[in-house]
Structures are given as C-alpha cells and as structure tokens.
Amino acid sequence: MVIDSATAGPGPLPPGPAQAPAIGLQLFGVPALRLRGHIVDTGSRKALALLAWLALEGRGTRARLATLFWPDLDAASARRNLRRELHRLRSAGAEAALLSNGDTLALAPSTTVDVQAFETALAIGDDPAAVAAYGGPLLDGFDLPDGGEFDAWAAGLPAADAFLRRTVPPILALSLIHISEPTRP
C-alpha cells in the first residue's frame, strides 16, 4: 500500500515526478521505503528492517536472514516467516527492490539508498549533495518489538555523530549535526 506523503493516508499511487527514483530506501532519520517518491507501507517493520540490513550489509542467505530476524524459532518456521515478509514487499509493489539468486537475497542495484548517496557524494567532494542525502541519525528510533539479533546489529551501527565525524570533513559534520538536532526554543 502506498501512503501519499502529502495527505499521509493510503491511496492509489499517483504518477511520480520524472526525477524520482523508482524505488528508494531512506535509512537516515526514520526509515522509509519510497516508490516513485511516495512512502510505501510494507505492512511490517520487519520487511523494512530486512531491506535496511541488505542495504547496509550487502547480500545474505535466506538461512542467515531467518536466524537474524527470528532467532527463537526453528529453521522451518523462521524461513516461513521470511517468505511472508518477502511476500509483503511484493504485495506493496516493492518486489523490484530485491534480487533473489537461489538462496541469496540482495538489494537490487536500481534501488537508491540515501546512505549510499551520502557516501558517494562525500567521495566525490559534493558537500551539498551529502547534506541533501543526510536526513538524521542512521535508523533513528527504529527497532523491532522482538528484534533479537537485528536490534543487536542495529545497536552496533555507528551513532550519527561518530558516523559523521568518521566520514565527513569536520565543518560539514558540524553543519549536518546541527541540521539533525531538534529546534530549541
């Protein structure tokens, strides 16, 4: 289901702007999946978490992903749950975000990811594009109710300030940190 970001209600997918990527994944700030610029409701935080993990870690086997997201279940039940999450992504119209090669899943190269856009902009010295790509702390406030290993993995990701200081020239880092802080009265 697509959520129109202007009305924040479900609705049919309107034609997107020509410049909007077909599928985009926002991991800076509150994570979101976008289809032609509009937020997609995947029906599950785990489906979005699956995309986030693949975007930041690369490919993963179905067995590894099933264990990551359902560590307390037996292998067959965990794999069944993984299939359900993949079905949710397909039902939401986001099947093109993933590549499946036998037992391995990966994010499709055509899926744009803000973290990758940020890192690319830094690598080529395009500070305005880096600022535009940065939307706040990585996976800001995102966790899973029964997150298990995923939450442990996410907790190990660099905190926003440390991530910025490691990857961004100091003056740009300070401006990005300032942008992501809430406005104080």
N, C-alpha and C. Protein backbone atom coordinates (compact mmCIF):
# COMPACT_ATOMS: atom_id res chain seq x y z
N MET A 1 0.85 -1.16 0.00
CA MET A 1 0.00 0.00 0.00
C MET A 1 0.90 1.23 0.00
N VAL A 2 0.54 2.21 -0.78
CA VAL A 2 1.31 3.43 -0.88
C VAL A 2 0.65 4.50 -0.03
N ILE A 3 1.46 5.22 0.73
CA ILE A 3 0.96 6.31 1.54
C ILE A 3 1.36 7.60 0.84
N ASP A 4 0.39 8.43 0.52
CA ASP A 4 0.68 9.71 -0.10
C ASP A 4 1.29 10.61 0.97
N SER A 5 2.53 11.01 0.77
CA SER A 5 3.22 11.78 1.80
C SER A 5 2.56 13.14 2.05
N ALA A 6 1.79 13.65 1.11
CA ALA A 6 1.12 14.93 1.32
C ALA A 6 -0.09 14.80 2.23
N THR A 7 -0.82 13.70 2.10
CA THR A 7 -2.03 13.52 2.91
C THR A 7 -1.84 12.52 4.02
N ALA A 8 -0.75 11.77 3.98
CA ALA A 8 -0.42 10.73 4.96
C ALA A 8 -1.51 9.68 5.05
N GLY A 9 -2.32 9.51 4.04
CA GLY A 9 -3.34 8.48 4.03
C GLY A 9 -3.11 7.53 2.89
N PRO A 10 -3.65 6.31 2.97
CA PRO A 10 -3.46 5.36 1.89
C PRO A 10 -4.20 5.83 0.65
N GLY A 11 -3.67 5.47 -0.47
CA GLY A 11 -4.33 5.84 -1.70
C GLY A 11 -3.63 5.21 -2.88
N PRO A 12 -4.22 5.35 -4.06
CA PRO A 12 -3.57 4.81 -5.24
C PRO A 12 -2.29 5.57 -5.52
N LEU A 13 -1.38 4.93 -6.19
CA LEU A 13 -0.09 5.54 -6.49
C LEU A 13 -0.25 6.55 -7.61
N PRO A 14 -0.03 7.83 -7.31
CA PRO A 14 -0.11 8.84 -8.36
C PRO A 14 1.14 8.79 -9.22
N PRO A 15 1.07 9.35 -10.43
CA PRO A 15 2.28 9.37 -11.25
C PRO A 15 3.37 10.14 -10.52
N GLY A 16 4.56 9.60 -10.50
CA GLY A 16 5.67 10.23 -9.79
C GLY A 16 6.41 11.21 -10.67
N PRO A 17 7.17 12.09 -10.03
CA PRO A 17 7.98 13.02 -10.81
C PRO A 17 9.04 12.25 -11.59
N ALA A 18 9.38 12.79 -12.74
CA ALA A 18 10.34 12.10 -13.61
C ALA A 18 11.68 11.89 -12.92
N GLN A 19 12.08 12.80 -12.04
CA GLN A 19 13.39 12.68 -11.40
C GLN A 19 13.39 11.74 -10.20
N ALA A 20 12.24 11.34 -9.70
CA ALA A 20 12.19 10.45 -8.53
C ALA A 20 12.62 9.05 -8.93
N PRO A 21 13.49 8.42 -8.13
CA PRO A 21 13.89 7.05 -8.45
C PRO A 21 12.69 6.13 -8.28
N ALA A 22 12.68 5.04 -9.02
CA ALA A 22 11.58 4.10 -8.94
C ALA A 22 11.42 3.58 -7.51
N ILE A 23 12.51 3.11 -6.92
CA ILE A 23 12.45 2.61 -5.55
C ILE A 23 13.61 3.22 -4.77
N GLY A 24 13.29 3.82 -3.63
CA GLY A 24 14.29 4.43 -2.78
C GLY A 24 14.13 3.98 -1.35
N LEU A 25 15.24 3.84 -0.67
CA LEU A 25 15.25 3.43 0.72
C LEU A 25 15.91 4.52 1.54
N GLN A 26 15.18 5.05 2.50
CA GLN A 26 15.67 6.09 3.39
C GLN A 26 16.07 5.43 4.71
N LEU A 27 17.34 5.53 5.05
CA LEU A 27 17.84 4.95 6.29
C LEU A 27 18.33 6.01 7.26
N PHE A 28 18.62 7.20 6.76
CA PHE A 28 18.93 8.32 7.64
C PHE A 28 17.61 8.87 8.16
N GLY A 29 17.56 9.13 9.45
CA GLY A 29 16.29 9.56 10.05
C GLY A 29 15.39 8.36 10.23
N VAL A 30 14.09 8.59 10.18
CA VAL A 30 13.12 7.49 10.31
C VAL A 30 13.13 6.70 9.00
N PRO A 31 13.42 5.41 9.04
CA PRO A 31 13.50 4.62 7.81
C PRO A 31 12.16 4.60 7.06
N ALA A 32 12.27 4.60 5.74
CA ALA A 32 11.08 4.55 4.88
C ALA A 32 11.46 3.96 3.53
N LEU A 33 10.50 3.29 2.95
CA LEU A 33 10.62 2.79 1.58
C LEU A 33 9.76 3.68 0.71
N ARG A 34 10.31 4.12 -0.40
CA ARG A 34 9.56 5.01 -1.30
C ARG A 34 9.47 4.38 -2.68
N LEU A 35 8.30 4.50 -3.26
CA LEU A 35 8.07 4.06 -4.63
C LEU A 35 7.67 5.30 -5.42
N ARG A 36 8.52 5.67 -6.39
CA ARG A 36 8.33 6.90 -7.18
C ARG A 36 8.06 8.11 -6.29
N GLY A 37 8.81 8.21 -5.19
CA GLY A 37 8.74 9.37 -4.32
C GLY A 37 7.69 9.30 -3.22
N HIS A 38 6.85 8.29 -3.21
CA HIS A 38 5.79 8.19 -2.22
C HIS A 38 6.10 7.05 -1.24
N ILE A 39 5.84 7.31 0.03
CA ILE A 39 6.12 6.31 1.06
C ILE A 39 5.23 5.09 0.86
N VAL A 40 5.84 3.92 0.98
CA VAL A 40 5.14 2.65 0.83
C VAL A 40 4.99 2.01 2.20
N ASP A 41 3.78 1.62 2.53
CA ASP A 41 3.53 0.89 3.76
C ASP A 41 3.72 -0.59 3.46
N THR A 42 4.78 -1.17 3.98
CA THR A 42 5.07 -2.57 3.72
C THR A 42 4.20 -3.50 4.56
N GLY A 43 3.50 -2.95 5.53
CA GLY A 43 2.66 -3.77 6.39
C GLY A 43 3.44 -4.42 7.52
N SER A 44 4.74 -4.16 7.58
CA SER A 44 5.56 -4.82 8.60
C SER A 44 6.87 -4.08 8.77
N ARG A 45 7.25 -3.86 10.01
CA ARG A 45 8.55 -3.25 10.29
C ARG A 45 9.68 -4.21 9.89
N LYS A 46 9.42 -5.52 9.99
CA LYS A 46 10.48 -6.47 9.64
C LYS A 46 10.81 -6.43 8.15
N ALA A 47 9.82 -6.18 7.31
CA ALA A 47 10.10 -6.08 5.88
C ALA A 47 11.04 -4.90 5.62
N LEU A 48 10.77 -3.79 6.28
CA LEU A 48 11.64 -2.61 6.15
C LEU A 48 13.01 -2.89 6.77
N ALA A 49 13.04 -3.57 7.89
CA ALA A 49 14.31 -3.93 8.53
C ALA A 49 15.14 -4.85 7.63
N LEU A 50 14.48 -5.75 6.94
CA LEU A 50 15.16 -6.64 6.00
C LEU A 50 15.86 -5.83 4.91
N LEU A 51 15.15 -4.87 4.35
CA LEU A 51 15.75 -4.01 3.32
C LEU A 51 16.91 -3.19 3.89
N ALA A 52 16.75 -2.69 5.11
CA ALA A 52 17.81 -1.91 5.75
C ALA A 52 19.06 -2.76 5.93
N TRP A 53 18.89 -3.98 6.41
CA TRP A 53 20.04 -4.86 6.64
C TRP A 53 20.75 -5.14 5.31
N LEU A 54 19.97 -5.46 4.28
CA LEU A 54 20.58 -5.75 2.98
C LEU A 54 21.29 -4.52 2.40
N ALA A 55 20.73 -3.34 2.62
CA ALA A 55 21.35 -2.12 2.11
C ALA A 55 22.68 -1.84 2.79
N LEU A 56 22.77 -2.12 4.08
CA LEU A 56 23.97 -1.78 4.85
C LEU A 56 24.99 -2.92 4.91
N GLU A 57 24.54 -4.15 4.74
CA GLU A 57 25.43 -5.30 4.86
C GLU A 57 25.72 -6.00 3.55
N GLY A 58 24.89 -5.78 2.56
CA GLY A 58 25.05 -6.49 1.28
C GLY A 58 24.16 -7.71 1.24
N ARG A 59 24.56 -8.68 0.52
CA ARG A 59 23.73 -9.88 0.35
C ARG A 59 23.73 -10.76 1.59
N GLY A 60 22.69 -11.59 1.69
CA GLY A 60 22.60 -12.52 2.80
C GLY A 60 21.85 -13.76 2.37
N THR A 61 22.20 -14.87 2.96
CA THR A 61 21.46 -16.10 2.64
C THR A 61 20.13 -16.08 3.37
N ARG A 62 19.19 -16.82 2.85
CA ARG A 62 17.88 -16.90 3.50
C ARG A 62 18.02 -17.47 4.91
N ALA A 63 18.91 -18.44 5.08
CA ALA A 63 19.10 -19.03 6.41
C ALA A 63 19.64 -17.98 7.39
N ARG A 64 20.60 -17.17 6.95
CA ARG A 64 21.17 -16.13 7.82
C ARG A 64 20.11 -15.09 8.18
N LEU A 65 19.32 -14.66 7.20
CA LEU A 65 18.29 -13.66 7.44
C LEU A 65 17.19 -14.21 8.35
N ALA A 66 16.82 -15.46 8.15
CA ALA A 66 15.80 -16.08 9.01
C ALA A 66 16.28 -16.13 10.46
N THR A 67 17.53 -16.47 10.65
CA THR A 67 18.11 -16.52 12.00
C THR A 67 18.22 -15.13 12.61
N LEU A 68 18.58 -14.15 11.79
CA LEU A 68 18.73 -12.77 12.25
C LEU A 68 17.40 -12.22 12.78
N PHE A 69 16.32 -12.46 12.06
CA PHE A 69 15.03 -11.88 12.42
C PHE A 69 14.17 -12.75 13.32
N TRP A 70 14.39 -14.04 13.32
CA TRP A 70 13.59 -14.96 14.17
C TRP A 70 14.51 -15.96 14.86
N PRO A 71 15.39 -15.47 15.72
CA PRO A 71 16.38 -16.35 16.34
C PRO A 71 15.77 -17.40 17.28
N ASP A 72 14.58 -17.15 17.78
CA ASP A 72 13.97 -18.07 18.74
C ASP A 72 13.13 -19.16 18.08
N LEU A 73 12.99 -19.12 16.76
CA LEU A 73 12.18 -20.11 16.06
C LEU A 73 13.05 -21.19 15.44
N ASP A 74 12.45 -22.33 15.19
CA ASP A 74 13.17 -23.38 14.47
C ASP A 74 13.37 -22.91 13.03
N ALA A 75 14.29 -23.54 12.33
CA ALA A 75 14.68 -23.10 11.00
C ALA A 75 13.50 -23.05 10.03
N ALA A 76 12.63 -24.04 10.05
CA ALA A 76 11.49 -24.08 9.12
C ALA A 76 10.53 -22.93 9.38
N SER A 77 10.24 -22.66 10.63
CA SER A 77 9.32 -21.56 10.98
C SER A 77 9.94 -20.21 10.63
N ALA A 78 11.22 -20.05 10.90
CA ALA A 78 11.89 -18.79 10.59
C ALA A 78 11.90 -18.54 9.08
N ARG A 79 12.16 -19.59 8.31
CA ARG A 79 12.15 -19.45 6.84
C ARG A 79 10.75 -19.12 6.33
N ARG A 80 9.73 -19.71 6.94
CA ARG A 80 8.34 -19.41 6.57
C ARG A 80 8.05 -17.92 6.84
N ASN A 81 8.51 -17.41 7.98
CA ASN A 81 8.31 -16.01 8.31
C ASN A 81 9.04 -15.10 7.32
N LEU A 82 10.23 -15.50 6.91
CA LEU A 82 10.98 -14.73 5.92
C LEU A 82 10.20 -14.69 4.60
N ARG A 83 9.66 -15.82 4.17
CA ARG A 83 8.86 -15.85 2.95
C ARG A 83 7.65 -14.90 3.07
N ARG A 84 7.04 -14.85 4.25
CA ARG A 84 5.90 -13.95 4.48
C ARG A 84 6.33 -12.49 4.31
N GLU A 85 7.50 -12.12 4.86
CA GLU A 85 7.98 -10.74 4.73
C GLU A 85 8.30 -10.40 3.27
N LEU A 86 8.86 -11.35 2.55
CA LEU A 86 9.14 -11.12 1.14
C LEU A 86 7.84 -10.96 0.35
N HIS A 87 6.83 -11.73 0.73
CA HIS A 87 5.51 -11.59 0.10
C HIS A 87 4.93 -10.20 0.39
N ARG A 88 5.10 -9.72 1.60
CA ARG A 88 4.61 -8.37 1.94
C ARG A 88 5.27 -7.31 1.07
N LEU A 89 6.55 -7.46 0.84
CA LEU A 89 7.24 -6.50 -0.02
C LEU A 89 6.69 -6.57 -1.45
N ARG A 90 6.48 -7.79 -1.95
CA ARG A 90 5.91 -7.94 -3.29
C ARG A 90 4.51 -7.33 -3.35
N SER A 91 3.71 -7.59 -2.34
CA SER A 91 2.33 -7.07 -2.30
C SER A 91 2.30 -5.55 -2.23
N ALA A 92 3.31 -4.95 -1.63
CA ALA A 92 3.39 -3.49 -1.52
C ALA A 92 3.92 -2.85 -2.80
N GLY A 93 4.27 -3.68 -3.78
CA GLY A 93 4.78 -3.16 -5.04
C GLY A 93 6.28 -2.94 -5.04
N ALA A 94 6.97 -3.49 -4.06
CA ALA A 94 8.41 -3.24 -3.92
C ALA A 94 9.26 -4.45 -4.30
N GLU A 95 8.70 -5.35 -5.10
CA GLU A 95 9.47 -6.55 -5.46
C GLU A 95 10.75 -6.21 -6.22
N ALA A 96 10.76 -5.08 -6.94
CA ALA A 96 11.95 -4.70 -7.69
C ALA A 96 13.09 -4.23 -6.79
N ALA A 97 12.83 -4.05 -5.50
CA ALA A 97 13.89 -3.61 -4.58
C ALA A 97 14.86 -4.75 -4.26
N LEU A 98 14.44 -5.98 -4.51
CA LEU A 98 15.24 -7.13 -4.13
C LEU A 98 15.70 -7.95 -5.33
N LEU A 99 16.85 -8.57 -5.16
CA LEU A 99 17.32 -9.58 -6.10
C LEU A 99 17.38 -10.90 -5.35
N SER A 100 16.93 -11.94 -6.00
CA SER A 100 16.99 -13.26 -5.40
C SER A 100 17.74 -14.17 -6.36
N ASN A 101 18.79 -14.80 -5.85
CA ASN A 101 19.58 -15.71 -6.65
C ASN A 101 19.69 -17.01 -5.86
N GLY A 102 18.72 -17.89 -6.07
CA GLY A 102 18.70 -19.13 -5.30
C GLY A 102 18.44 -18.84 -3.84
N ASP A 103 19.42 -19.14 -3.01
CA ASP A 103 19.27 -18.99 -1.57
C ASP A 103 19.76 -17.63 -1.06
N THR A 104 20.20 -16.77 -1.98
CA THR A 104 20.78 -15.49 -1.59
C THR A 104 19.86 -14.33 -1.97
N LEU A 105 19.72 -13.38 -1.04
CA LEU A 105 18.96 -12.16 -1.29
C LEU A 105 19.91 -10.97 -1.24
N ALA A 106 19.61 -9.98 -2.05
CA ALA A 106 20.39 -8.74 -2.06
C ALA A 106 19.47 -7.60 -2.47
N LEU A 107 19.88 -6.40 -2.16
CA LEU A 107 19.15 -5.22 -2.61
C LEU A 107 19.47 -5.03 -4.09
N ALA A 108 18.47 -4.75 -4.90
CA ALA A 108 18.69 -4.52 -6.33
C ALA A 108 19.53 -3.27 -6.52
N PRO A 109 20.46 -3.29 -7.45
CA PRO A 109 21.30 -2.11 -7.69
C PRO A 109 20.49 -0.87 -8.10
N SER A 110 19.31 -1.08 -8.65
CA SER A 110 18.48 0.06 -9.06
C SER A 110 17.78 0.73 -7.88
N THR A 111 17.83 0.12 -6.70
CA THR A 111 17.23 0.71 -5.51
C THR A 111 18.18 1.78 -4.97
N THR A 112 17.70 3.01 -4.89
CA THR A 112 18.55 4.07 -4.36
C THR A 112 18.46 4.05 -2.83
N VAL A 113 19.59 4.28 -2.20
CA VAL A 113 19.68 4.28 -0.74
C VAL A 113 20.37 5.58 -0.33
N ASP A 114 19.75 6.32 0.59
CA ASP A 114 20.29 7.61 0.98
C ASP A 114 21.70 7.50 1.57
N VAL A 115 21.99 6.43 2.29
CA VAL A 115 23.32 6.24 2.87
C VAL A 115 24.36 6.12 1.75
N GLN A 116 24.02 5.38 0.70
CA GLN A 116 24.95 5.23 -0.42
C GLN A 116 25.11 6.55 -1.17
N ALA A 117 24.02 7.30 -1.32
CA ALA A 117 24.10 8.61 -1.98
C ALA A 117 24.98 9.55 -1.16
N PHE A 118 24.84 9.50 0.16
CA PHE A 118 25.65 10.31 1.07
C PHE A 118 27.13 9.96 0.91
N GLU A 119 27.44 8.66 0.97
CA GLU A 119 28.84 8.23 0.88
C GLU A 119 29.44 8.56 -0.49
N THR A 120 28.64 8.41 -1.55
CA THR A 120 29.12 8.74 -2.89
C THR A 120 29.40 10.24 -3.00
N ALA A 121 28.49 11.05 -2.47
CA ALA A 121 28.68 12.50 -2.51
C ALA A 121 29.95 12.90 -1.77
N LEU A 122 30.20 12.28 -0.63
CA LEU A 122 31.43 12.58 0.12
C LEU A 122 32.66 12.18 -0.67
N ALA A 123 32.59 11.02 -1.30
CA ALA A 123 33.75 10.51 -2.03
C ALA A 123 34.14 11.41 -3.19
N ILE A 124 33.15 12.06 -3.81
CA ILE A 124 33.46 12.93 -4.94
C ILE A 124 33.56 14.41 -4.54
N GLY A 125 33.40 14.67 -3.24
CA GLY A 125 33.53 16.04 -2.73
C GLY A 125 32.32 16.92 -2.99
N ASP A 126 31.16 16.32 -3.18
CA ASP A 126 29.94 17.09 -3.42
C ASP A 126 29.22 17.32 -2.09
N ASP A 127 29.71 18.31 -1.32
CA ASP A 127 29.15 18.56 0.01
C ASP A 127 27.66 18.90 -0.02
N PRO A 128 27.17 19.71 -0.95
CA PRO A 128 25.72 19.97 -0.95
C PRO A 128 24.88 18.70 -1.14
N ALA A 129 25.34 17.78 -1.99
CA ALA A 129 24.61 16.53 -2.18
C ALA A 129 24.67 15.67 -0.92
N ALA A 130 25.79 15.70 -0.21
CA ALA A 130 25.91 14.96 1.05
C ALA A 130 24.94 15.51 2.08
N VAL A 131 24.86 16.82 2.17
CA VAL A 131 23.92 17.44 3.11
C VAL A 131 22.49 17.08 2.73
N ALA A 132 22.18 17.09 1.44
CA ALA A 132 20.83 16.77 0.98
C ALA A 132 20.47 15.32 1.28
N ALA A 133 21.44 14.41 1.21
CA ALA A 133 21.17 12.99 1.45
C ALA A 133 21.02 12.66 2.92
N TYR A 134 21.65 13.46 3.78
CA TYR A 134 21.62 13.17 5.21
C TYR A 134 20.30 13.64 5.81
N GLY A 135 19.54 12.71 6.40
CA GLY A 135 18.24 13.05 6.97
C GLY A 135 18.15 12.86 8.45
N GLY A 136 19.27 12.68 9.13
CA GLY A 136 19.25 12.48 10.57
C GLY A 136 20.00 11.22 10.93
N PRO A 137 19.98 10.87 12.20
CA PRO A 137 20.71 9.67 12.66
C PRO A 137 20.29 8.41 11.90
N LEU A 138 21.25 7.55 11.68
CA LEU A 138 21.02 6.30 10.98
C LEU A 138 19.99 5.45 11.72
N LEU A 139 18.92 5.03 11.02
CA LEU A 139 17.84 4.21 11.57
C LEU A 139 17.29 4.81 12.87
N ASP A 140 17.05 6.10 12.84
CA ASP A 140 16.65 6.85 14.03
C ASP A 140 15.40 6.28 14.68
N GLY A 141 15.56 5.76 15.89
CA GLY A 141 14.45 5.24 16.67
C GLY A 141 13.85 3.96 16.13
N PHE A 142 14.50 3.32 15.19
CA PHE A 142 13.94 2.12 14.56
C PHE A 142 14.40 0.88 15.30
N ASP A 143 13.45 0.13 15.81
CA ASP A 143 13.76 -1.17 16.40
C ASP A 143 12.57 -2.08 16.12
N LEU A 144 12.72 -3.32 16.47
CA LEU A 144 11.66 -4.30 16.27
C LEU A 144 11.18 -4.79 17.63
N PRO A 145 9.87 -5.01 17.78
CA PRO A 145 9.34 -5.46 19.08
C PRO A 145 10.03 -6.73 19.59
N ASP A 146 10.31 -7.65 18.69
CA ASP A 146 11.02 -8.88 19.07
C ASP A 146 12.30 -8.96 18.24
N GLY A 147 13.04 -7.87 18.25
CA GLY A 147 14.15 -7.66 17.34
C GLY A 147 15.31 -8.62 17.43
N GLY A 148 15.56 -9.18 18.59
CA GLY A 148 16.63 -10.16 18.72
C GLY A 148 17.93 -9.69 18.13
N GLU A 149 18.46 -10.49 17.23
CA GLU A 149 19.76 -10.20 16.63
C GLU A 149 19.75 -8.93 15.78
N PHE A 150 18.60 -8.60 15.16
CA PHE A 150 18.55 -7.38 14.36
C PHE A 150 18.81 -6.16 15.24
N ASP A 151 18.16 -6.09 16.39
CA ASP A 151 18.35 -4.94 17.27
C ASP A 151 19.79 -4.87 17.77
N ALA A 152 20.40 -6.03 18.04
CA ALA A 152 21.80 -6.05 18.46
C ALA A 152 22.69 -5.54 17.32
N TRP A 153 22.39 -5.97 16.09
CA TRP A 153 23.14 -5.49 14.94
C TRP A 153 22.98 -3.97 14.79
N ALA A 154 21.73 -3.50 14.85
CA ALA A 154 21.45 -2.06 14.68
C ALA A 154 22.13 -1.25 15.78
N ALA A 155 22.17 -1.78 17.01
CA ALA A 155 22.82 -1.07 18.11
C ALA A 155 24.32 -0.94 17.87
N GLY A 156 24.88 -1.84 17.09
CA GLY A 156 26.30 -1.81 16.77
C GLY A 156 26.66 -0.87 15.63
N LEU A 157 25.64 -0.32 14.96
CA LEU A 157 25.91 0.64 13.89
C LEU A 157 26.46 1.91 14.51
N PRO A 158 27.29 2.62 13.78
CA PRO A 158 27.85 3.85 14.35
C PRO A 158 26.75 4.85 14.69
N ALA A 159 26.87 5.47 15.84
CA ALA A 159 25.95 6.54 16.20
C ALA A 159 26.12 7.67 15.20
N ALA A 160 25.11 8.47 15.02
CA ALA A 160 25.12 9.51 14.00
C ALA A 160 26.36 10.40 14.10
N ASP A 161 26.66 10.92 15.28
CA ASP A 161 27.79 11.82 15.42
C ASP A 161 29.10 11.13 15.08
N ALA A 162 29.29 9.90 15.57
CA ALA A 162 30.52 9.17 15.29
C ALA A 162 30.62 8.84 13.80
N PHE A 163 29.50 8.45 13.20
CA PHE A 163 29.48 8.15 11.78
C PHE A 163 29.87 9.38 10.97
N LEU A 164 29.29 10.51 11.32
CA LEU A 164 29.59 11.73 10.59
C LEU A 164 31.05 12.14 10.76
N ARG A 165 31.54 12.09 11.97
CA ARG A 165 32.93 12.51 12.21
C ARG A 165 33.92 11.60 11.51
N ARG A 166 33.55 10.33 11.35
CA ARG A 166 34.44 9.39 10.68
C ARG A 166 34.44 9.59 9.17
N THR A 167 33.30 10.02 8.61
CA THR A 167 33.18 10.04 7.16
C THR A 167 33.13 11.42 6.53
N VAL A 168 32.95 12.45 7.32
CA VAL A 168 32.70 13.78 6.78
C VAL A 168 33.77 14.75 7.27
N PRO A 169 34.18 15.67 6.40
CA PRO A 169 35.09 16.71 6.87
C PRO A 169 34.47 17.44 8.06
N PRO A 170 35.28 17.85 9.03
CA PRO A 170 34.76 18.38 10.29
C PRO A 170 33.74 19.52 10.17
N ILE A 171 33.93 20.48 9.32
CA ILE A 171 32.98 21.59 9.23
C ILE A 171 31.65 21.11 8.69
N LEU A 172 31.68 20.24 7.68
CA LEU A 172 30.44 19.69 7.15
C LEU A 172 29.74 18.84 8.20
N ALA A 173 30.49 18.08 8.98
CA ALA A 173 29.90 17.26 10.04
C ALA A 173 29.16 18.12 11.05
N LEU A 174 29.76 19.22 11.45
CA LEU A 174 29.09 20.10 12.41
C LEU A 174 27.79 20.65 11.85
N SER A 175 27.77 21.00 10.56
CA SER A 175 26.54 21.53 9.98
C SER A 175 25.48 20.44 9.88
N LEU A 176 25.87 19.21 9.57
CA LEU A 176 24.90 18.12 9.50
C LEU A 176 24.36 17.78 10.88
N ILE A 177 25.20 17.79 11.89
CA ILE A 177 24.74 17.52 13.25
C ILE A 177 23.75 18.60 13.67
N HIS A 178 24.06 19.83 13.34
CA HIS A 178 23.16 20.94 13.68
C HIS A 178 21.81 20.78 12.98
N ILE A 179 21.82 20.37 11.72
CA ILE A 179 20.59 20.16 10.96
C ILE A 179 19.74 19.07 11.60
N SER A 180 20.36 18.01 12.12
CA SER A 180 19.59 16.88 12.65
C SER A 180 19.11 17.08 14.07
N GLU A 181 19.61 18.11 14.76
CA GLU A 181 19.16 18.36 16.13
C GLU A 181 17.81 19.03 16.12
N PRO A 182 16.95 18.69 17.08
CA PRO A 182 15.65 19.37 17.15
C PRO A 182 15.84 20.85 17.46
N THR A 183 14.94 21.65 16.95
CA THR A 183 14.99 23.08 17.19
C THR A 183 14.71 23.36 18.65
N ARG A 184 15.56 24.17 19.25
CA ARG A 184 15.37 24.52 20.65
C ARG A 184 14.72 25.89 20.74
N PRO A 185 13.79 26.07 21.69
CA PRO A 185 13.14 27.39 21.84
C PRO A 185 14.10 28.45 22.32
